[in-house]
Amino acid sequence: MAPKSKKNPRTEAEASGSTKIKDRRKGIIAALRRCVRQKGYAETRLSDLSKSAGLSVSHLLYYFPSKDAVLDKLCREFLGDLSGEFNRHHDESPRDQLNVLVNQFFVENPERSADLALGLELIALSMHRPVIRRILREHNHRMMIYLTELFSKLPLQEGVTPEEAARVAVGLRFGLFTNSIYDDFLDSRRARSIFRRSIFDLAGLGDTETPEN
């Protein structure tokens, strides 16, 4: 019988410590997400963030050097969640993937809508924060690649290229979502109906779903 390998206490301790650090950093990122949703990034002080995370300011700064550093991680996490939804449906039919595109933003769920509005805050912040702008640009580039590939599998309207269809889809989705926040008539249900009908027509599929009143 082969002798059992001895566990290295130091290695186990290091692994445990690394896990705790990752968990604590995740908690801080989640705390910033809550703060931004409640009062916006500009109005969130470092003391607000530390309180939401259940830490002292000095303890929080052990895990992140600044509030902006937490924002950078939150931006990557938020956009990664959006991209992950598409990745999970990548092998489904083009029609099903279009439905994911429609349903991702236009949902009648206040909690989800408030979370998605975080994207608008990030866009505003990117105007004067090069790191956030770079992260958003990288996400947009990945989305263009994904959507161009998706639209290349569809018949499309005459004269429309997959690249053009991808840009129209992103622009229309963002515009309708933004307007639905401020336009009392354009609630999530109507915005979803308009976007779905437009995007399926653009794809050359037609929309078989019952239109909203």
N, C-alpha and C. Protein backbone atom coordinates (compact mmCIF):
# COMPACT_ATOMS: atom_id res chain seq x y z
N MET A 1 0.85 -1.19 0.00
CA MET A 1 0.00 0.00 0.00
C MET A 1 0.89 1.25 0.00
N ALA A 2 0.60 2.13 -0.91
CA ALA A 2 1.40 3.34 -1.01
C ALA A 2 1.13 4.24 0.18
N PRO A 3 2.16 4.85 0.70
CA PRO A 3 1.97 5.73 1.87
C PRO A 3 1.13 6.94 1.49
N LYS A 4 0.29 7.37 2.44
CA LYS A 4 -0.54 8.54 2.18
C LYS A 4 0.33 9.79 2.16
N SER A 5 0.04 10.63 1.22
CA SER A 5 0.80 11.88 1.13
C SER A 5 0.40 12.80 2.27
N LYS A 6 1.37 13.41 2.86
CA LYS A 6 1.10 14.31 3.97
C LYS A 6 0.63 15.66 3.46
N LYS A 7 -0.38 16.21 4.13
CA LYS A 7 -0.87 17.53 3.77
C LYS A 7 0.08 18.59 4.29
N ASN A 8 0.24 19.60 3.50
CA ASN A 8 1.11 20.71 3.88
C ASN A 8 0.28 21.78 4.57
N PRO A 9 0.41 21.94 5.88
CA PRO A 9 -0.40 22.93 6.61
C PRO A 9 -0.25 24.34 6.05
N ARG A 10 0.96 24.66 5.61
CA ARG A 10 1.20 26.01 5.10
C ARG A 10 0.42 26.23 3.80
N THR A 11 0.44 25.21 2.92
CA THR A 11 -0.29 25.32 1.65
C THR A 11 -1.79 25.45 1.90
N GLU A 12 -2.31 24.65 2.85
CA GLU A 12 -3.74 24.72 3.17
C GLU A 12 -4.10 26.07 3.74
N ALA A 13 -3.26 26.61 4.58
CA ALA A 13 -3.53 27.91 5.18
C ALA A 13 -3.52 29.01 4.12
N GLU A 14 -2.55 28.90 3.19
CA GLU A 14 -2.48 29.89 2.12
C GLU A 14 -3.72 29.84 1.23
N ALA A 15 -4.19 28.61 0.93
CA ALA A 15 -5.38 28.45 0.10
C ALA A 15 -6.61 29.01 0.80
N SER A 16 -6.70 28.73 2.11
CA SER A 16 -7.82 29.24 2.89
C SER A 16 -7.80 30.76 2.94
N GLY A 17 -6.60 31.32 3.12
CA GLY A 17 -6.47 32.77 3.17
C GLY A 17 -6.83 33.42 1.84
N SER A 18 -6.42 32.77 0.75
CA SER A 18 -6.73 33.29 -0.59
C SER A 18 -8.23 33.30 -0.84
N THR A 19 -8.91 32.23 -0.39
CA THR A 19 -10.36 32.15 -0.56
C THR A 19 -11.06 33.25 0.23
N LYS A 20 -10.59 33.49 1.46
CA LYS A 20 -11.18 34.53 2.28
C LYS A 20 -11.01 35.91 1.65
N ILE A 21 -9.84 36.14 1.06
CA ILE A 21 -9.58 37.43 0.41
C ILE A 21 -10.52 37.61 -0.78
N LYS A 22 -10.67 36.54 -1.59
CA LYS A 22 -11.57 36.62 -2.74
C LYS A 22 -13.00 36.87 -2.30
N ASP A 23 -13.43 36.18 -1.26
CA ASP A 23 -14.80 36.37 -0.76
C ASP A 23 -15.01 37.78 -0.23
N ARG A 24 -14.01 38.30 0.47
CA ARG A 24 -14.14 39.65 1.02
C ARG A 24 -14.17 40.68 -0.11
N ARG A 25 -13.35 40.48 -1.14
CA ARG A 25 -13.34 41.40 -2.27
C ARG A 25 -14.69 41.35 -3.01
N LYS A 26 -15.24 40.15 -3.15
CA LYS A 26 -16.57 40.03 -3.78
C LYS A 26 -17.62 40.77 -2.97
N GLY A 27 -17.50 40.68 -1.66
CA GLY A 27 -18.45 41.37 -0.79
C GLY A 27 -18.36 42.88 -0.93
N ILE A 28 -17.16 43.39 -1.10
CA ILE A 28 -16.96 44.83 -1.27
C ILE A 28 -17.54 45.28 -2.61
N ILE A 29 -17.32 44.49 -3.65
CA ILE A 29 -17.87 44.82 -4.97
C ILE A 29 -19.40 44.83 -4.92
N ALA A 30 -19.97 43.84 -4.24
CA ALA A 30 -21.43 43.78 -4.11
C ALA A 30 -21.94 44.98 -3.32
N ALA A 31 -21.17 45.42 -2.33
CA ALA A 31 -21.57 46.58 -1.53
C ALA A 31 -21.58 47.84 -2.39
N LEU A 32 -20.60 47.99 -3.27
CA LEU A 32 -20.58 49.16 -4.15
C LEU A 32 -21.76 49.12 -5.11
N ARG A 33 -22.09 47.94 -5.61
CA ARG A 33 -23.25 47.81 -6.50
C ARG A 33 -24.52 48.32 -5.78
N ARG A 34 -24.68 47.94 -4.51
CA ARG A 34 -25.84 48.39 -3.74
C ARG A 34 -25.83 49.91 -3.56
N CYS A 35 -24.66 50.43 -3.23
CA CYS A 35 -24.56 51.88 -3.00
C CYS A 35 -24.86 52.68 -4.26
N VAL A 36 -24.33 52.23 -5.37
CA VAL A 36 -24.55 52.94 -6.63
C VAL A 36 -26.02 52.91 -7.01
N ARG A 37 -26.66 51.77 -6.79
CA ARG A 37 -28.08 51.67 -7.09
C ARG A 37 -28.91 52.58 -6.20
N GLN A 38 -28.48 52.76 -4.97
CA GLN A 38 -29.24 53.55 -4.01
C GLN A 38 -29.02 55.05 -4.17
N LYS A 39 -27.77 55.47 -4.39
CA LYS A 39 -27.51 56.91 -4.38
C LYS A 39 -26.58 57.39 -5.49
N GLY A 40 -26.07 56.49 -6.33
CA GLY A 40 -25.15 56.89 -7.38
C GLY A 40 -23.71 56.86 -6.90
N TYR A 41 -22.79 56.77 -7.85
CA TYR A 41 -21.38 56.63 -7.49
C TYR A 41 -20.82 57.90 -6.88
N ALA A 42 -21.17 59.05 -7.46
CA ALA A 42 -20.61 60.32 -6.98
C ALA A 42 -21.00 60.60 -5.54
N GLU A 43 -22.20 60.18 -5.15
CA GLU A 43 -22.68 60.44 -3.80
C GLU A 43 -22.26 59.37 -2.80
N THR A 44 -21.62 58.33 -3.29
CA THR A 44 -21.16 57.25 -2.40
C THR A 44 -19.76 57.56 -1.88
N ARG A 45 -19.66 57.83 -0.61
CA ARG A 45 -18.35 58.08 0.00
C ARG A 45 -17.69 56.75 0.38
N LEU A 46 -16.41 56.82 0.60
CA LEU A 46 -15.68 55.61 1.00
C LEU A 46 -16.25 55.06 2.31
N SER A 47 -16.67 55.95 3.19
CA SER A 47 -17.26 55.51 4.46
C SER A 47 -18.60 54.81 4.23
N ASP A 48 -19.37 55.27 3.23
CA ASP A 48 -20.63 54.60 2.89
C ASP A 48 -20.37 53.18 2.40
N LEU A 49 -19.35 53.08 1.54
CA LEU A 49 -19.00 51.78 0.98
C LEU A 49 -18.53 50.81 2.06
N SER A 50 -17.68 51.30 2.94
CA SER A 50 -17.16 50.43 4.00
C SER A 50 -18.28 49.98 4.94
N LYS A 51 -19.21 50.88 5.23
CA LYS A 51 -20.34 50.53 6.10
C LYS A 51 -21.21 49.46 5.45
N SER A 52 -21.48 49.64 4.14
CA SER A 52 -22.30 48.66 3.42
C SER A 52 -21.61 47.30 3.37
N ALA A 53 -20.28 47.32 3.30
CA ALA A 53 -19.51 46.07 3.24
C ALA A 53 -19.27 45.46 4.63
N GLY A 54 -19.63 46.20 5.69
CA GLY A 54 -19.42 45.70 7.04
C GLY A 54 -17.96 45.75 7.47
N LEU A 55 -17.22 46.74 6.97
CA LEU A 55 -15.80 46.86 7.27
C LEU A 55 -15.48 48.29 7.70
N SER A 56 -14.35 48.46 8.33
CA SER A 56 -13.85 49.81 8.57
C SER A 56 -13.21 50.30 7.28
N VAL A 57 -13.03 51.60 7.16
CA VAL A 57 -12.41 52.15 5.95
C VAL A 57 -11.00 51.60 5.77
N SER A 58 -10.23 51.55 6.85
CA SER A 58 -8.85 51.05 6.76
C SER A 58 -8.82 49.57 6.36
N HIS A 59 -9.80 48.80 6.87
CA HIS A 59 -9.86 47.38 6.51
C HIS A 59 -10.22 47.23 5.04
N LEU A 60 -11.16 48.04 4.56
CA LEU A 60 -11.54 47.98 3.14
C LEU A 60 -10.34 48.30 2.24
N LEU A 61 -9.56 49.30 2.65
CA LEU A 61 -8.41 49.71 1.83
C LEU A 61 -7.30 48.66 1.82
N TYR A 62 -7.40 47.67 2.69
CA TYR A 62 -6.47 46.54 2.63
C TYR A 62 -6.75 45.69 1.39
N TYR A 63 -8.03 45.64 0.98
CA TYR A 63 -8.43 44.81 -0.15
C TYR A 63 -8.45 45.57 -1.48
N PHE A 64 -8.72 46.86 -1.43
CA PHE A 64 -8.72 47.70 -2.62
C PHE A 64 -8.04 49.02 -2.26
N PRO A 65 -7.20 49.54 -3.14
CA PRO A 65 -6.48 50.78 -2.81
C PRO A 65 -7.35 52.03 -2.83
N SER A 66 -8.52 51.96 -3.46
CA SER A 66 -9.37 53.14 -3.57
C SER A 66 -10.79 52.73 -3.97
N LYS A 67 -11.71 53.68 -3.89
CA LYS A 67 -13.09 53.44 -4.33
C LYS A 67 -13.13 53.21 -5.83
N ASP A 68 -12.29 53.94 -6.57
CA ASP A 68 -12.25 53.76 -8.03
C ASP A 68 -11.80 52.35 -8.41
N ALA A 69 -10.91 51.77 -7.62
CA ALA A 69 -10.44 50.42 -7.91
C ALA A 69 -11.58 49.41 -7.77
N VAL A 70 -12.47 49.65 -6.80
CA VAL A 70 -13.64 48.79 -6.64
C VAL A 70 -14.57 48.98 -7.84
N LEU A 71 -14.72 50.23 -8.28
CA LEU A 71 -15.57 50.53 -9.44
C LEU A 71 -15.09 49.79 -10.68
N ASP A 72 -13.78 49.76 -10.89
CA ASP A 72 -13.24 49.05 -12.06
C ASP A 72 -13.65 47.58 -12.03
N LYS A 73 -13.53 46.96 -10.86
CA LYS A 73 -13.90 45.54 -10.73
C LYS A 73 -15.40 45.35 -10.91
N LEU A 74 -16.19 46.28 -10.38
CA LEU A 74 -17.64 46.19 -10.53
C LEU A 74 -18.02 46.29 -12.00
N CYS A 75 -17.38 47.17 -12.73
CA CYS A 75 -17.66 47.34 -14.15
C CYS A 75 -17.38 46.05 -14.90
N ARG A 76 -16.25 45.43 -14.64
CA ARG A 76 -15.91 44.16 -15.31
C ARG A 76 -16.89 43.06 -14.93
N GLU A 77 -17.28 43.01 -13.66
CA GLU A 77 -18.22 41.99 -13.21
C GLU A 77 -19.59 42.18 -13.85
N PHE A 78 -20.06 43.41 -13.88
CA PHE A 78 -21.37 43.72 -14.46
C PHE A 78 -21.42 43.35 -15.94
N LEU A 79 -20.41 43.76 -16.68
CA LEU A 79 -20.38 43.45 -18.11
C LEU A 79 -20.14 41.97 -18.36
N GLY A 80 -19.37 41.35 -17.47
CA GLY A 80 -19.15 39.90 -17.59
C GLY A 80 -20.44 39.13 -17.41
N ASP A 81 -21.31 39.59 -16.51
CA ASP A 81 -22.61 38.94 -16.32
C ASP A 81 -23.45 39.04 -17.59
N LEU A 82 -23.44 40.22 -18.23
CA LEU A 82 -24.21 40.39 -19.46
C LEU A 82 -23.68 39.48 -20.56
N SER A 83 -22.36 39.45 -20.72
CA SER A 83 -21.76 38.59 -21.75
C SER A 83 -22.01 37.12 -21.46
N GLY A 84 -22.00 36.76 -20.18
CA GLY A 84 -22.20 35.37 -19.81
C GLY A 84 -23.55 34.84 -20.23
N GLU A 85 -24.57 35.70 -20.23
CA GLU A 85 -25.90 35.26 -20.67
C GLU A 85 -25.88 34.82 -22.12
N PHE A 86 -25.15 35.56 -22.96
CA PHE A 86 -25.06 35.19 -24.37
C PHE A 86 -24.23 33.92 -24.55
N ASN A 87 -23.16 33.81 -23.80
CA ASN A 87 -22.30 32.63 -23.92
C ASN A 87 -23.06 31.35 -23.58
N ARG A 88 -23.95 31.44 -22.61
CA ARG A 88 -24.72 30.25 -22.20
C ARG A 88 -25.69 29.80 -23.28
N HIS A 89 -26.06 30.70 -24.19
CA HIS A 89 -27.03 30.36 -25.23
C HIS A 89 -26.39 30.30 -26.63
N HIS A 90 -25.06 30.28 -26.66
CA HIS A 90 -24.36 30.40 -27.94
C HIS A 90 -24.68 29.28 -28.91
N ASP A 91 -24.96 28.10 -28.41
CA ASP A 91 -25.20 26.95 -29.28
C ASP A 91 -26.68 26.77 -29.63
N GLU A 92 -27.53 27.68 -29.17
CA GLU A 92 -28.95 27.58 -29.49
C GLU A 92 -29.23 28.18 -30.87
N SER A 93 -30.45 28.06 -31.34
CA SER A 93 -30.80 28.56 -32.66
C SER A 93 -30.68 30.08 -32.69
N PRO A 94 -30.44 30.66 -33.90
CA PRO A 94 -30.37 32.12 -34.01
C PRO A 94 -31.63 32.81 -33.47
N ARG A 95 -32.80 32.23 -33.71
CA ARG A 95 -34.04 32.83 -33.20
C ARG A 95 -34.03 32.86 -31.67
N ASP A 96 -33.60 31.78 -31.04
CA ASP A 96 -33.54 31.75 -29.58
C ASP A 96 -32.52 32.75 -29.05
N GLN A 97 -31.43 32.92 -29.75
CA GLN A 97 -30.42 33.89 -29.32
C GLN A 97 -30.95 35.32 -29.45
N LEU A 98 -31.76 35.56 -30.46
CA LEU A 98 -32.38 36.88 -30.58
C LEU A 98 -33.32 37.15 -29.41
N ASN A 99 -34.02 36.10 -28.99
CA ASN A 99 -34.91 36.26 -27.85
C ASN A 99 -34.13 36.60 -26.58
N VAL A 100 -32.94 36.04 -26.44
CA VAL A 100 -32.08 36.38 -25.30
C VAL A 100 -31.72 37.86 -25.37
N LEU A 101 -31.39 38.33 -26.56
CA LEU A 101 -31.05 39.74 -26.76
C LEU A 101 -32.21 40.64 -26.35
N VAL A 102 -33.44 40.22 -26.68
CA VAL A 102 -34.64 40.99 -26.36
C VAL A 102 -34.91 40.96 -24.86
N ASN A 103 -34.86 39.77 -24.28
CA ASN A 103 -35.30 39.60 -22.90
C ASN A 103 -34.28 40.07 -21.87
N GLN A 104 -33.05 40.26 -22.29
CA GLN A 104 -32.02 40.62 -21.32
C GLN A 104 -32.28 41.99 -20.70
N PHE A 105 -32.69 42.96 -21.49
CA PHE A 105 -32.88 44.33 -21.00
C PHE A 105 -34.33 44.64 -20.63
N PHE A 106 -35.27 44.13 -21.41
CA PHE A 106 -36.66 44.56 -21.24
C PHE A 106 -37.42 43.55 -20.39
N VAL A 107 -37.35 43.75 -19.08
CA VAL A 107 -37.98 42.84 -18.13
C VAL A 107 -38.84 43.65 -17.17
N GLU A 108 -39.97 43.10 -16.81
CA GLU A 108 -40.86 43.78 -15.85
C GLU A 108 -40.53 43.30 -14.44
N ASN A 109 -39.32 43.64 -14.04
CA ASN A 109 -38.80 43.26 -12.72
C ASN A 109 -38.03 44.45 -12.19
N PRO A 110 -38.58 45.19 -11.23
CA PRO A 110 -37.93 46.40 -10.72
C PRO A 110 -36.49 46.17 -10.25
N GLU A 111 -36.26 45.02 -9.63
CA GLU A 111 -34.92 44.70 -9.13
C GLU A 111 -33.93 44.56 -10.28
N ARG A 112 -34.36 43.85 -11.32
CA ARG A 112 -33.51 43.65 -12.49
C ARG A 112 -33.30 44.96 -13.24
N SER A 113 -34.36 45.74 -13.39
CA SER A 113 -34.26 47.02 -14.10
C SER A 113 -33.30 47.97 -13.39
N ALA A 114 -33.37 48.00 -12.05
CA ALA A 114 -32.48 48.86 -11.28
C ALA A 114 -31.03 48.43 -11.46
N ASP A 115 -30.80 47.13 -11.55
CA ASP A 115 -29.45 46.63 -11.74
C ASP A 115 -28.93 46.98 -13.13
N LEU A 116 -29.81 46.86 -14.15
CA LEU A 116 -29.39 47.19 -15.50
C LEU A 116 -29.11 48.69 -15.65
N ALA A 117 -29.82 49.51 -14.88
CA ALA A 117 -29.59 50.95 -14.93
C ALA A 117 -28.18 51.30 -14.48
N LEU A 118 -27.54 50.36 -13.78
CA LEU A 118 -26.14 50.55 -13.40
C LEU A 118 -25.29 50.78 -14.64
N GLY A 119 -25.67 50.15 -15.75
CA GLY A 119 -24.93 50.33 -16.99
C GLY A 119 -24.91 51.78 -17.45
N LEU A 120 -26.03 52.48 -17.25
CA LEU A 120 -26.09 53.90 -17.62
C LEU A 120 -25.15 54.72 -16.75
N GLU A 121 -25.09 54.37 -15.48
CA GLU A 121 -24.17 55.07 -14.57
C GLU A 121 -22.72 54.85 -15.01
N LEU A 122 -22.40 53.63 -15.42
CA LEU A 122 -21.04 53.33 -15.86
C LEU A 122 -20.69 54.10 -17.13
N ILE A 123 -21.65 54.23 -18.04
CA ILE A 123 -21.41 54.98 -19.26
C ILE A 123 -21.13 56.45 -18.94
N ALA A 124 -21.92 57.02 -18.03
CA ALA A 124 -21.70 58.41 -17.63
C ALA A 124 -20.32 58.58 -16.98
N LEU A 125 -19.96 57.64 -16.13
CA LEU A 125 -18.66 57.71 -15.45
C LEU A 125 -17.50 57.56 -16.43
N SER A 126 -17.73 56.83 -17.52
CA SER A 126 -16.64 56.58 -18.49
C SER A 126 -16.20 57.85 -19.21
N MET A 127 -17.02 58.90 -19.19
CA MET A 127 -16.66 60.14 -19.87
C MET A 127 -15.37 60.73 -19.31
N HIS A 128 -15.14 60.54 -18.02
CA HIS A 128 -13.95 61.13 -17.39
C HIS A 128 -13.07 60.10 -16.70
N ARG A 129 -13.35 58.82 -16.97
CA ARG A 129 -12.54 57.76 -16.39
C ARG A 129 -12.06 56.83 -17.50
N PRO A 130 -10.82 57.01 -17.96
CA PRO A 130 -10.30 56.22 -19.09
C PRO A 130 -10.37 54.71 -18.87
N VAL A 131 -10.17 54.26 -17.62
CA VAL A 131 -10.18 52.81 -17.38
C VAL A 131 -11.58 52.26 -17.64
N ILE A 132 -12.61 52.93 -17.12
CA ILE A 132 -13.98 52.49 -17.35
C ILE A 132 -14.32 52.55 -18.83
N ARG A 133 -13.88 53.60 -19.50
CA ARG A 133 -14.13 53.73 -20.94
C ARG A 133 -13.49 52.58 -21.71
N ARG A 134 -12.28 52.21 -21.31
CA ARG A 134 -11.60 51.10 -21.99
C ARG A 134 -12.33 49.78 -21.76
N ILE A 135 -12.80 49.55 -20.54
CA ILE A 135 -13.53 48.31 -20.24
C ILE A 135 -14.82 48.25 -21.05
N LEU A 136 -15.53 49.38 -21.15
CA LEU A 136 -16.77 49.42 -21.93
C LEU A 136 -16.49 49.21 -23.42
N ARG A 137 -15.40 49.78 -23.89
CA ARG A 137 -15.04 49.62 -25.30
C ARG A 137 -14.73 48.16 -25.61
N GLU A 138 -14.02 47.50 -24.71
CA GLU A 138 -13.70 46.07 -24.90
C GLU A 138 -14.96 45.23 -24.92
N HIS A 139 -15.91 45.56 -24.03
CA HIS A 139 -17.18 44.83 -24.00
C HIS A 139 -17.95 45.05 -25.29
N ASN A 140 -17.98 46.29 -25.76
CA ASN A 140 -18.69 46.60 -27.00
C ASN A 140 -18.08 45.84 -28.18
N HIS A 141 -16.76 45.75 -28.19
CA HIS A 141 -16.07 45.03 -29.27
C HIS A 141 -16.47 43.56 -29.26
N ARG A 142 -16.52 42.96 -28.07
CA ARG A 142 -16.93 41.54 -27.98
C ARG A 142 -18.38 41.35 -28.42
N MET A 143 -19.23 42.29 -28.04
CA MET A 143 -20.64 42.21 -28.44
C MET A 143 -20.79 42.32 -29.95
N MET A 144 -20.01 43.18 -30.57
CA MET A 144 -20.09 43.34 -32.03
C MET A 144 -19.67 42.04 -32.73
N ILE A 145 -18.64 41.40 -32.22
CA ILE A 145 -18.19 40.13 -32.81
C ILE A 145 -19.29 39.09 -32.68
N TYR A 146 -19.85 38.98 -31.47
CA TYR A 146 -20.91 37.99 -31.22
C TYR A 146 -22.13 38.25 -32.10
N LEU A 147 -22.60 39.48 -32.13
CA LEU A 147 -23.82 39.80 -32.88
C LEU A 147 -23.61 39.72 -34.39
N THR A 148 -22.42 40.10 -34.84
CA THR A 148 -22.14 39.99 -36.28
C THR A 148 -22.18 38.52 -36.71
N GLU A 149 -21.61 37.66 -35.88
CA GLU A 149 -21.67 36.22 -36.17
C GLU A 149 -23.11 35.72 -36.15
N LEU A 150 -23.89 36.19 -35.18
CA LEU A 150 -25.29 35.78 -35.08
C LEU A 150 -26.08 36.21 -36.31
N PHE A 151 -25.95 37.47 -36.70
CA PHE A 151 -26.71 37.97 -37.85
C PHE A 151 -26.23 37.38 -39.18
N SER A 152 -25.00 36.89 -39.21
CA SER A 152 -24.51 36.25 -40.44
C SER A 152 -25.22 34.93 -40.71
N LYS A 153 -25.90 34.39 -39.70
CA LYS A 153 -26.63 33.13 -39.84
C LYS A 153 -28.10 33.36 -40.20
N LEU A 154 -28.49 34.61 -40.35
CA LEU A 154 -29.89 34.96 -40.58
C LEU A 154 -30.06 35.59 -41.96
N PRO A 155 -31.28 35.52 -42.53
CA PRO A 155 -31.48 36.04 -43.89
C PRO A 155 -31.29 37.55 -44.02
N LEU A 156 -31.65 38.32 -43.01
CA LEU A 156 -31.53 39.78 -42.96
C LEU A 156 -32.37 40.49 -44.02
N GLN A 157 -32.66 41.74 -43.75
CA GLN A 157 -33.34 42.58 -44.73
C GLN A 157 -32.40 42.83 -45.91
N GLU A 158 -32.97 43.03 -47.06
CA GLU A 158 -32.17 43.23 -48.27
C GLU A 158 -31.28 44.46 -48.12
N GLY A 159 -30.01 44.28 -48.45
CA GLY A 159 -29.06 45.38 -48.43
C GLY A 159 -28.40 45.63 -47.08
N VAL A 160 -28.77 44.86 -46.07
CA VAL A 160 -28.20 45.03 -44.73
C VAL A 160 -27.12 43.98 -44.48
N THR A 161 -25.94 44.41 -44.07
CA THR A 161 -24.86 43.48 -43.77
C THR A 161 -24.96 43.03 -42.31
N PRO A 162 -24.33 41.90 -41.97
CA PRO A 162 -24.33 41.46 -40.56
C PRO A 162 -23.73 42.51 -39.62
N GLU A 163 -22.68 43.20 -40.08
CA GLU A 163 -22.04 44.22 -39.24
C GLU A 163 -23.00 45.38 -38.99
N GLU A 164 -23.73 45.79 -40.01
CA GLU A 164 -24.70 46.88 -39.84
C GLU A 164 -25.84 46.45 -38.92
N ALA A 165 -26.32 45.23 -39.11
CA ALA A 165 -27.40 44.73 -38.28
C ALA A 165 -26.98 44.69 -36.80
N ALA A 166 -25.75 44.29 -36.54
CA ALA A 166 -25.25 44.24 -35.16
C ALA A 166 -25.26 45.62 -34.53
N ARG A 167 -24.81 46.62 -35.27
CA ARG A 167 -24.76 47.98 -34.72
C ARG A 167 -26.15 48.57 -34.53
N VAL A 168 -27.05 48.28 -35.45
CA VAL A 168 -28.43 48.75 -35.30
C VAL A 168 -29.06 48.11 -34.06
N ALA A 169 -28.83 46.82 -33.88
CA ALA A 169 -29.41 46.11 -32.73
C ALA A 169 -28.93 46.70 -31.41
N VAL A 170 -27.63 46.94 -31.30
CA VAL A 170 -27.09 47.49 -30.06
C VAL A 170 -27.61 48.90 -29.82
N GLY A 171 -27.60 49.73 -30.86
CA GLY A 171 -28.06 51.11 -30.72
C GLY A 171 -29.54 51.19 -30.37
N LEU A 172 -30.35 50.38 -31.02
CA LEU A 172 -31.78 50.39 -30.78
C LEU A 172 -32.10 49.89 -29.37
N ARG A 173 -31.42 48.84 -28.96
CA ARG A 173 -31.67 48.29 -27.63
C ARG A 173 -31.30 49.30 -26.55
N PHE A 174 -30.14 49.91 -26.70
CA PHE A 174 -29.69 50.87 -25.70
C PHE A 174 -30.61 52.09 -25.67
N GLY A 175 -30.98 52.59 -26.85
CA GLY A 175 -31.84 53.77 -26.92
C GLY A 175 -33.21 53.53 -26.30
N LEU A 176 -33.83 52.40 -26.63
CA LEU A 176 -35.15 52.09 -26.08
C LEU A 176 -35.09 51.88 -24.57
N PHE A 177 -34.04 51.19 -24.12
CA PHE A 177 -33.91 50.96 -22.68
C PHE A 177 -33.75 52.29 -21.94
N THR A 178 -32.92 53.17 -22.46
CA THR A 178 -32.70 54.48 -21.83
C THR A 178 -33.99 55.28 -21.80
N ASN A 179 -34.68 55.35 -22.94
CA ASN A 179 -35.91 56.12 -23.01
C ASN A 179 -37.01 55.56 -22.12
N SER A 180 -37.01 54.24 -21.94
CA SER A 180 -38.05 53.63 -21.11
C SER A 180 -37.95 54.06 -19.65
N ILE A 181 -36.80 54.57 -19.25
CA ILE A 181 -36.61 55.05 -17.89
C ILE A 181 -37.29 56.41 -17.69
N TYR A 182 -37.28 57.23 -18.77
CA TYR A 182 -37.78 58.59 -18.66
C TYR A 182 -39.15 58.81 -19.31
N ASP A 183 -39.50 57.97 -20.26
CA ASP A 183 -40.74 58.13 -21.01
C ASP A 183 -41.85 57.31 -20.34
N ASP A 184 -42.85 57.99 -19.79
CA ASP A 184 -43.93 57.30 -19.07
C ASP A 184 -44.71 56.36 -19.99
N PHE A 185 -44.83 56.72 -21.26
CA PHE A 185 -45.57 55.88 -22.20
C PHE A 185 -44.77 54.62 -22.55
N LEU A 186 -43.46 54.79 -22.65
CA LEU A 186 -42.60 53.69 -23.11
C LEU A 186 -42.13 52.86 -21.92
N ASP A 187 -43.05 52.06 -21.37
CA ASP A 187 -42.67 51.19 -20.26
C ASP A 187 -41.90 49.99 -20.82
N SER A 188 -41.46 49.10 -19.94
CA SER A 188 -40.64 47.96 -20.35
C SER A 188 -41.37 47.07 -21.34
N ARG A 189 -42.69 46.90 -21.15
CA ARG A 189 -43.45 46.03 -22.03
C ARG A 189 -43.51 46.58 -23.45
N ARG A 190 -43.79 47.89 -23.58
CA ARG A 190 -43.85 48.49 -24.91
C ARG A 190 -42.47 48.54 -25.55
N ALA A 191 -41.47 48.88 -24.77
CA ALA A 191 -40.11 48.93 -25.30
C ALA A 191 -39.68 47.56 -25.81
N ARG A 192 -40.01 46.52 -25.05
CA ARG A 192 -39.69 45.16 -25.46
C ARG A 192 -40.39 44.81 -26.77
N SER A 193 -41.67 45.16 -26.87
CA SER A 193 -42.45 44.84 -28.07
C SER A 193 -41.86 45.53 -29.30
N ILE A 194 -41.51 46.82 -29.16
CA ILE A 194 -40.94 47.57 -30.28
C ILE A 194 -39.60 46.98 -30.68
N PHE A 195 -38.77 46.68 -29.69
CA PHE A 195 -37.44 46.16 -29.99
C PHE A 195 -37.53 44.78 -30.64
N ARG A 196 -38.37 43.93 -30.09
CA ARG A 196 -38.49 42.58 -30.64
C ARG A 196 -38.97 42.61 -32.08
N ARG A 197 -40.00 43.39 -32.34
CA ARG A 197 -40.55 43.48 -33.69
C ARG A 197 -39.50 44.03 -34.66
N SER A 198 -38.79 45.07 -34.22
CA SER A 198 -37.78 45.70 -35.08
C SER A 198 -36.62 44.76 -35.37
N ILE A 199 -36.16 44.06 -34.32
CA ILE A 199 -34.97 43.23 -34.47
C ILE A 199 -35.27 41.98 -35.29
N PHE A 200 -36.47 41.43 -35.15
CA PHE A 200 -36.84 40.26 -35.95
C PHE A 200 -37.07 40.65 -37.40
N ASP A 201 -37.62 41.84 -37.64
CA ASP A 201 -37.76 42.32 -39.02
C ASP A 201 -36.38 42.55 -39.64
N LEU A 202 -35.48 43.13 -38.87
CA LEU A 202 -34.12 43.37 -39.34
C LEU A 202 -33.44 42.05 -39.70
N ALA A 203 -33.71 41.03 -38.90
CA ALA A 203 -33.10 39.71 -39.13
C ALA A 203 -33.74 38.96 -40.29
N GLY A 204 -34.86 39.51 -40.82
CA GLY A 204 -35.54 38.84 -41.92
C GLY A 204 -36.38 37.65 -41.49
N LEU A 205 -36.75 37.63 -40.21
CA LEU A 205 -37.52 36.52 -39.68
C LEU A 205 -39.01 36.83 -39.51
N GLY A 206 -39.34 38.10 -39.32
CA GLY A 206 -40.71 38.43 -38.98
C GLY A 206 -40.93 38.08 -37.52
N ASP A 207 -41.92 38.72 -36.89
CA ASP A 207 -42.18 38.49 -35.48
C ASP A 207 -43.53 37.82 -35.31
N THR A 208 -43.52 36.62 -34.77
CA THR A 208 -44.76 35.86 -34.60
C THR A 208 -45.40 36.11 -33.24
N GLU A 209 -44.76 36.91 -32.40
CA GLU A 209 -45.29 37.17 -31.07
C GLU A 209 -46.43 38.19 -31.17
N THR A 210 -47.44 38.06 -30.31
CA THR A 210 -48.58 38.98 -30.32
C THR A 210 -48.11 40.36 -29.91
N PRO A 211 -48.39 41.41 -30.72
CA PRO A 211 -47.95 42.77 -30.39
C PRO A 211 -48.61 43.26 -29.10
N GLU A 212 -47.90 44.14 -28.38
CA GLU A 212 -48.45 44.73 -27.16
C GLU A 212 -49.36 45.88 -27.54
N ASN A 213 -50.41 46.14 -26.76
CA ASN A 213 -51.29 47.28 -26.98
C ASN A 213 -50.64 48.55 -26.45
